[in-house]
Each structure stands twice: as C-alpha cells, then as structure tokens.
Protein backbone atom coordinates (compact mmCIF):
# COMPACT_ATOMS: atom_id res chain seq x y z
CA MET A 1 -9.31 20.39 -3.74
CA ARG A 2 -8.63 18.22 -6.63
CA LEU A 3 -5.53 16.26 -7.40
CA SER A 4 -3.50 16.51 -10.70
CA THR A 5 -4.23 13.35 -11.99
CA ARG A 6 -7.59 11.59 -13.42
CA HIS A 7 -6.50 7.71 -12.00
CA ILE A 8 -3.97 6.81 -9.30
CA LEU A 9 -1.90 3.67 -11.11
CA SER A 10 1.10 4.53 -9.61
CA ILE A 11 2.63 6.81 -7.27
CA ASN A 12 4.66 8.28 -9.94
CA ASP A 13 1.20 9.65 -10.97
CA LEU A 14 1.20 11.71 -8.15
CA THR A 15 3.04 15.26 -7.65
CA LYS A 16 4.41 16.50 -4.34
CA LYS A 17 1.54 18.41 -3.74
CA ASP A 18 -0.99 15.81 -4.55
CA VAL A 19 0.66 13.80 -1.82
CA LEU A 20 0.54 16.17 0.95
CA THR A 21 -3.64 17.45 -0.31
CA ILE A 22 -4.21 13.62 0.30
CA LEU A 23 -2.38 13.26 3.53
CA ALA A 24 -4.17 16.49 4.85
CA THR A 25 -7.57 15.21 3.53
CA ALA A 26 -6.94 12.11 5.22
CA SER A 27 -6.12 13.23 8.60
CA SER A 28 -9.48 15.36 8.50
CA PHE A 29 -11.28 11.87 7.54
CA LYS A 30 -9.42 9.99 10.19
CA GLU A 31 -11.68 11.61 13.03
CA ILE A 32 -15.23 10.15 11.35
CA SER A 33 -13.75 6.09 12.15
CA GLU A 34 -13.85 7.77 15.77
CA ARG A 35 -17.49 8.99 15.95
CA PRO A 36 -20.33 6.84 17.27
CA ILE A 37 -22.00 7.34 13.35
CA LYS A 38 -19.29 6.67 11.65
CA LYS A 39 -20.61 7.70 8.13
CA VAL A 40 -20.79 11.22 6.29
CA PRO A 41 -22.99 12.07 3.09
CA THR A 42 -19.83 13.59 1.10
CA LEU A 43 -20.27 11.15 -1.49
CA ARG A 44 -23.62 9.87 -1.97
CA GLY A 45 -25.36 9.04 -5.26
CA ARG A 46 -21.45 8.13 -6.43
CA THR A 47 -20.63 4.55 -7.46
CA VAL A 48 -17.68 2.73 -6.58
CA ILE A 49 -16.88 -1.13 -7.72
CA ASN A 50 -13.98 -3.24 -6.01
CA CYS A 51 -12.92 -5.12 -8.56
CA PHE A 52 -10.78 -7.32 -6.32
CA PHE A 53 -9.35 -10.29 -9.41
CA GLU A 54 -6.83 -11.26 -6.60
CA ASP A 55 -7.08 -12.52 -2.98
CA SER A 56 -6.91 -9.51 -0.65
CA THR A 57 -9.05 -9.59 3.35
CA ARG A 58 -7.48 -5.85 4.66
CA THR A 59 -7.33 -3.87 1.43
CA ARG A 60 -10.68 -4.70 0.18
CA LEU A 61 -12.07 -4.22 3.76
CA SER A 62 -10.29 -1.16 4.10
CA PHE A 63 -11.59 0.27 0.84
CA GLU A 64 -14.92 -0.84 1.20
CA LEU A 65 -15.22 0.55 4.80
CA ALA A 66 -13.92 3.98 3.12
CA GLU A 67 -16.78 3.74 0.39
CA LYS A 68 -19.54 3.52 3.13
CA ARG A 69 -18.11 5.60 5.56
CA LEU A 70 -18.24 8.14 2.74
CA SER A 71 -21.81 7.20 1.75
CA ALA A 72 -21.10 6.16 -1.45
CA ASP A 73 -22.89 3.26 -3.19
CA SER A 74 -20.42 0.53 -3.59
CA SER A 75 -20.41 -2.96 -5.35
CA ASN A 76 -17.80 -6.00 -5.39
CA ILE A 77 -16.50 -8.27 -8.10
CA SER A 78 -14.40 -10.88 -6.96
CA LYS A 79 -11.84 -13.33 -8.90
CA SER A 80 -14.27 -16.61 -8.24
CA GLY A 81 -17.49 -15.14 -9.08
CA SER A 82 -16.40 -13.43 -12.34
CA ALA A 83 -16.99 -13.95 -15.70
CA MET A 84 -13.42 -13.50 -16.40
CA ALA A 85 -12.73 -16.96 -14.32
CA ASN A 86 -15.76 -18.73 -15.29
CA LYS A 87 -16.11 -17.69 -18.74
CA GLY A 88 -13.30 -16.59 -20.49
CA GLU A 89 -14.19 -12.74 -20.49
CA THR A 90 -11.16 -10.77 -20.95
CA LEU A 91 -10.19 -7.92 -18.50
CA LEU A 92 -11.12 -5.50 -21.39
CA ASP A 93 -14.50 -6.98 -21.94
CA THR A 94 -15.17 -6.57 -18.41
CA VAL A 95 -14.10 -3.07 -17.75
CA ARG A 96 -16.50 -2.17 -20.87
CA ASN A 97 -19.16 -3.94 -19.39
CA ILE A 98 -18.86 -1.96 -16.03
CA GLU A 99 -18.48 1.16 -18.06
CA ALA A 100 -22.03 0.53 -19.62
CA MET A 101 -23.48 0.87 -15.83
CA ARG A 102 -21.41 4.35 -15.65
CA PRO A 103 -19.51 3.75 -11.90
CA ASP A 104 -17.80 6.84 -10.90
CA ILE A 105 -14.51 5.06 -9.72
CA LEU A 106 -12.66 1.41 -10.14
CA VAL A 107 -10.80 0.01 -7.74
CA ILE A 108 -8.74 -2.84 -9.21
CA ARG A 109 -6.72 -5.68 -7.85
CA HIS A 110 -4.99 -7.99 -10.39
CA SER A 111 -1.98 -10.74 -10.26
CA VAL A 112 -0.87 -9.18 -13.44
CA ALA A 113 0.99 -5.79 -13.11
CA GLY A 114 -0.32 -3.17 -15.54
CA ALA A 115 -3.35 -4.51 -15.64
CA PRO A 116 -5.29 -1.10 -13.67
CA ALA A 117 -3.43 0.87 -16.10
CA GLN A 118 -4.78 -1.27 -19.10
CA ALA A 119 -8.55 -0.77 -17.97
CA ALA A 120 -7.68 2.90 -17.74
CA GLY A 121 -7.97 2.71 -21.40
CA ALA A 122 -11.19 0.85 -21.52
CA THR A 123 -13.43 3.09 -19.43
CA ARG A 124 -14.44 6.90 -18.35
CA ALA A 125 -14.28 5.89 -14.69
CA ARG A 126 -11.46 7.07 -12.24
CA ILE A 127 -9.00 4.00 -11.83
CA ILE A 128 -7.46 3.30 -8.10
CA ASN A 129 -4.72 0.59 -8.43
CA ALA A 130 -5.30 -1.91 -5.36
CA GLY A 131 -2.09 -3.86 -6.24
CA ASP A 132 -1.21 -5.07 -9.68
CA GLY A 133 1.19 -7.80 -9.44
CA MET A 134 4.86 -7.01 -8.80
CA HIS A 135 4.54 -3.57 -9.70
CA GLU A 136 2.93 -1.11 -7.45
CA HIS A 137 0.33 -0.65 -4.56
CA PRO A 138 0.06 3.49 -4.26
CA THR A 139 -2.57 3.35 -1.49
CA GLN A 140 -0.59 1.01 0.72
CA ALA A 141 2.56 3.20 0.84
CA LEU A 142 0.43 6.78 1.26
CA LEU A 143 -0.74 4.55 4.27
CA ASP A 144 2.55 4.15 5.40
CA LEU A 145 3.66 7.89 5.27
CA MET A 146 0.68 8.76 6.71
CA THR A 147 1.30 6.16 9.63
CA ILE A 148 5.12 7.85 9.28
CA ASN A 149 4.03 11.38 9.65
CA ASP A 150 1.33 10.61 12.50
CA VAL A 151 4.03 9.07 14.62
CA LYS A 152 7.06 11.31 13.94
CA GLY A 153 5.14 14.51 13.25
CA ARG A 154 7.49 15.17 10.11
CA MET A 155 8.91 13.35 6.87
CA LYS A 156 11.77 14.80 5.12
CA GLY A 157 15.16 13.59 6.52
CA LEU A 158 13.92 10.26 8.10
CA LYS A 159 15.75 7.78 7.43
CA VAL A 160 13.73 4.58 7.18
CA GLY A 161 14.99 0.98 6.34
CA ILE A 162 12.78 -1.72 4.21
CA VAL A 163 13.74 -5.44 4.76
CA GLY A 164 12.35 -8.66 3.17
CA ASP A 165 11.61 -9.62 -0.65
CA ILE A 166 12.05 -6.26 -2.22
CA LEU A 167 11.93 -8.13 -5.63
CA HIS A 168 8.71 -9.40 -5.39
CA SER A 169 6.96 -6.50 -3.18
CA ARG A 170 5.09 -4.08 -5.02
CA VAL A 171 4.61 -2.17 -1.46
CA ALA A 172 8.22 -1.82 -1.34
CA ARG A 173 8.07 -0.26 -4.95
CA SER A 174 5.59 2.03 -4.34
CA ASP A 175 7.34 3.00 -0.55
CA MET A 176 10.72 3.46 -2.25
CA LEU A 177 9.19 5.95 -4.89
CA LEU A 178 7.21 7.56 -2.24
CA PHE A 179 9.52 8.01 0.25
CA LYS A 180 12.14 9.14 -1.95
CA LYS A 181 9.70 11.93 -3.86
CA MET A 182 8.98 13.18 0.42
CA GLY A 183 12.37 13.68 1.06
CA LEU A 184 12.84 9.95 3.34
CA GLU A 185 16.26 8.05 2.75
CA VAL A 186 15.88 4.97 2.28
CA THR A 187 17.72 1.60 3.21
CA VAL A 188 16.61 -1.75 1.50
CA ALA A 189 17.99 -5.10 2.85
CA GLY A 190 17.23 -9.02 2.53
CA PRO A 191 18.48 -11.67 0.71
CA PRO A 192 20.69 -11.37 -1.88
CA THR A 193 18.77 -13.16 -4.77
CA LEU A 194 15.50 -10.94 -3.11
CA ILE A 195 17.49 -7.74 -3.76
CA PRO A 196 16.55 -6.32 -7.57
CA PHE A 197 20.18 -5.70 -9.85
CA GLY A 198 20.54 -2.04 -9.95
CA VAL A 199 17.73 -1.05 -7.23
CA GLU A 200 20.30 1.60 -6.05
CA GLU A 201 19.96 3.55 -9.06
CA ALA A 202 16.33 2.89 -10.09
CA PHE A 203 15.20 4.30 -6.92
CA GLY A 204 17.73 6.07 -5.45
CA VAL A 205 18.15 4.22 -2.10
CA ARG A 206 21.10 2.21 -0.31
CA VAL A 207 21.58 -1.35 0.13
CA ALA A 208 22.86 -2.92 3.48
CA SER A 209 23.88 -6.56 3.57
CA ASP A 210 22.41 -6.92 7.14
CA VAL A 211 20.00 -4.28 7.93
CA ARG A 212 21.31 -4.68 12.22
CA ASP A 213 24.33 -2.89 10.70
CA VAL A 214 22.55 0.21 9.66
CA LEU A 215 19.75 -0.17 12.59
CA PRO A 216 20.91 2.14 15.10
CA GLU A 217 20.83 4.90 12.65
CA LEU A 218 17.13 4.25 11.74
CA ASP A 219 14.30 5.90 12.42
CA VAL A 220 11.41 3.74 11.27
CA LEU A 221 11.83 -0.37 10.18
CA MET A 222 9.83 -1.92 7.44
CA LEU A 223 9.60 -5.76 7.49
CA LEU A 224 7.90 -6.85 4.28
CA ARG A 225 6.03 -10.22 4.32
CA VAL A 226 7.81 -12.91 2.78
CA GLN A 227 5.54 -13.95 -0.23
CA ARG A 228 5.54 -17.58 -0.42
CA GLU A 229 3.00 -17.11 -3.37
CA ARG A 230 5.15 -15.34 -5.41
CA LEU A 231 8.54 -17.40 -4.59
CA GLY A 232 8.31 -20.11 -7.45
CA GLU A 233 11.79 -20.41 -7.14
CA HIS A 234 13.91 -21.38 -4.23
CA PHE A 235 15.17 -17.50 -2.81
CA PHE A 236 16.36 -18.79 0.38
CA PRO A 237 17.16 -22.25 2.02
CA SER A 238 14.09 -22.20 4.76
CA ALA A 239 12.01 -19.97 6.78
CA ARG A 240 13.59 -20.65 9.32
CA GLU A 241 17.20 -19.36 7.78
CA TYR A 242 15.48 -16.50 6.61
CA ALA A 243 14.00 -15.93 10.46
CA ARG A 244 17.56 -16.05 11.30
CA TYR A 245 19.13 -14.15 9.29
CA PHE A 246 16.84 -11.48 8.31
CA GLY A 247 13.77 -11.64 10.77
CA ILE A 248 14.01 -9.28 13.68
CA CYS A 249 13.37 -9.96 17.17
CA ALA A 250 13.73 -8.01 20.48
CA ASP A 251 17.45 -8.41 20.92
CA ASP A 252 17.99 -7.17 17.66
CA LEU A 253 16.30 -3.88 18.74
CA LYS A 254 18.77 -3.21 21.49
CA SER A 255 21.01 -1.07 19.17
CA ALA A 256 17.97 1.07 17.92
CA LYS A 257 16.76 4.04 18.77
CA GLU A 258 14.28 4.17 21.44
CA ASP A 259 11.67 5.90 19.37
CA LEU A 260 12.05 3.72 15.88
CA ALA A 261 8.72 2.88 14.54
CA ILE A 262 8.36 -0.68 13.60
CA MET A 263 6.15 -1.22 10.66
CA HIS A 264 4.51 -4.29 8.24
CA PRO A 265 2.28 -4.26 5.57
CA GLY A 266 0.62 -7.49 6.35
CA PRO A 267 -0.40 -10.09 6.81
CA VAL A 268 2.36 -11.15 9.40
CA ASN A 269 4.09 -14.02 9.33
CA ARG A 270 5.25 -14.23 12.83
CA GLY A 271 8.50 -15.99 13.71
CA VAL A 272 9.34 -15.56 10.30
CA GLU A 273 9.98 -11.89 9.50
CA ILE A 274 9.07 -10.68 12.69
CA ALA A 275 8.85 -12.37 16.43
CA ALA A 276 6.13 -12.14 18.59
CA ASP A 277 6.92 -9.64 20.92
CA VAL A 278 8.39 -7.39 18.15
CA ALA A 279 4.78 -7.25 16.49
CA ASP A 280 3.17 -6.53 19.69
CA GLY A 281 5.86 -4.48 21.66
CA PRO A 282 5.66 -0.55 22.33
CA ARG A 283 7.66 0.32 18.83
CA SER A 284 5.09 -1.10 16.77
CA VAL A 285 2.52 1.07 14.64
CA ILE A 286 1.13 -2.23 12.23
CA LEU A 287 -2.56 -1.47 13.57
CA GLY A 288 -1.89 2.07 13.18
CA GLN A 289 -1.04 1.64 9.42
CA VAL A 290 -4.85 -0.17 9.51
CA THR A 291 -6.41 2.28 10.68
CA CYS A 292 -4.68 5.26 8.29
CA GLY A 293 -5.48 2.97 5.32
CA VAL A 294 -9.34 3.58 5.99
CA ALA A 295 -8.79 7.18 6.01
CA VAL A 296 -5.95 7.45 3.34
CA ARG A 297 -8.58 5.47 0.96
CA MET A 298 -11.24 7.86 1.43
CA ALA A 299 -8.89 10.95 0.92
CA VAL A 300 -8.24 9.52 -2.23
CA LEU A 301 -12.35 8.25 -2.90
CA TYR A 302 -12.94 11.97 -2.43
CA LEU A 303 -10.23 13.53 -4.27
CA LEU A 304 -10.48 11.78 -7.52
CA LEU A 305 -14.52 12.34 -7.36
CA GLY A 306 -13.87 16.37 -6.36
CA GLU A 307 -12.17 16.47 -9.80
CA THR A 308 -15.07 15.06 -11.79
CA HIS A 309 -17.51 17.41 -9.78
CA SER A 310 -15.19 20.50 -11.38
CA GLU A 311 -15.51 18.75 -14.42
C-alpha cells in the first residue's frame, strides 16, 4: 500500500482513496494499542524526528506513542531547546542540518502557516504537518473522521456541526476540507467575528447564526476550543457571554438526536465551549478521538515510509 503523496501538508494532498487507505490501516493498527505488549517491528530501523516549534502536549505525545509502537527510532526538538529559538538559526537551516543526519520523516508543528511546506522543499525526508499556524492540522481531521466512522459506521451523508472559532482554527479548516471531500454535510456556527468571510463558497459549508437552530438534524457536533492565544483582539465580549450564546450544555441537547456524537479536539475549556456534563456525558466521544489519534498517526507514518520502501 502507498499514498499518492510524498508529504501530508494539507488535506488537499490526499485523494479519497488515500483517505480510505489511511482509515483502513489505522483500524488495523488500533488493535495494537489494546495488546499487553504495545509494540510491533514494522518501522524498525526507520528514523522520525518530531520538530515541535509550537507548544503541544497531546499531538506530540500521540506521534511519539505511534512511533514507539511501530519500533521507529524517534527524537524530539522543541522550541525552547532549539538553535532557532536561542541562536537565531532559520527554519530552513535547522531542517538542512537535520537532513544531513538522514531522517526518514520529520513531523513539524509551527506557529507560522506554511512552515511544513517550506521545510518540504529543503529535505528528502517525508514531512507530516502536525499543525501550522491558522492553516491546517490534517492528522487531527483524519482522526476526527475515523472517530465518526467508528461511531456511526458510515461517513457519506452525515450532518456535522462545527461550532466556535472557525476563523483561527486549523482543525476547523482541515475538518471542513476532509468532511466535504468524503461526502459529509457541514454547518458552521459561532460569533460573527469568528466566521471567515466567504466560508460558504470557499469550503462548501452552510453557516448558521445559532447552532441550536440546526441541532435537531445533526449527527455529529464538533465544539472547538476558544483559542485565547490567537485572539489578539476582542472577538467577543467575554468567556461568560461566549458560553451563554455558543457553549453547549445538557439542556441544549434535549432537541438533538439520541445518537448525536459530541466531539472536541481538546484541550477542553469546561464551562466555556462545553459544559462538564456534556464533555463527560454518554454522547461524548472525545476520548475516542484521542485513541484514534495514535492509530491514525501510526497509519500515516507506515504508509509514507511504505512508499519509501517501494522506490
């Protein structure tokens, strides 16, 4: 098996066949995490370097576990300990120096949109975008889709609502691209100041002024984290007001389908975008997303290096 792309920089790099191949491979790898010994020799001798130039906990840990469970040799670079942060080295110089050590894959997270794509032009290694600025987070979208498919048993025709900071969210951007590519119907909602102009035409989604108006028809509700670190201006009056108008509590779900799945890419701001009883309630599949994350990352590492084996 192989993918049609050398790198995973954007959902646009992937064909429908690629997506289905990743999901099928991830499903087979998911079982490994249930074993007493969570390790297979699949990528023994392969080298992966995790370059996290922006803070991350769950994405970095998810990639590290995926690499260890496939027996890859992995190393980590963080923003605080890198020559970029302390000695003025550029991203490309950092990548070229790493390239000289002959890694097989670089997993790159960066606060600047396009940084992984820039790195891809400076190395023979495969690049996986682990989140770049407000651009994309493709493996998060893949794990979101895998979670939906696992819970619902299908994808095409499902109605998904995405609520919150659509403007700054790389997760929302990748989710919209992937969900539309795979035949899901998407409605977005949030404060008007956080809904990008022209999002309907650009992504083929519907915009609702209040998600509660469309809640009864949804199969999946994705609540986005309020990204305080990207809100340089006041896009809404206060967290309390956001929670009142755009947060979801148990009472809001009375009109929803019984099997509505509640999702959140984390970390969760309890009491702001989602109430605690919803985050921990029976409809929540938030922890299922985390489990799927390791499986999806195992799949993309394996499939990208599988292509290398065939060359």
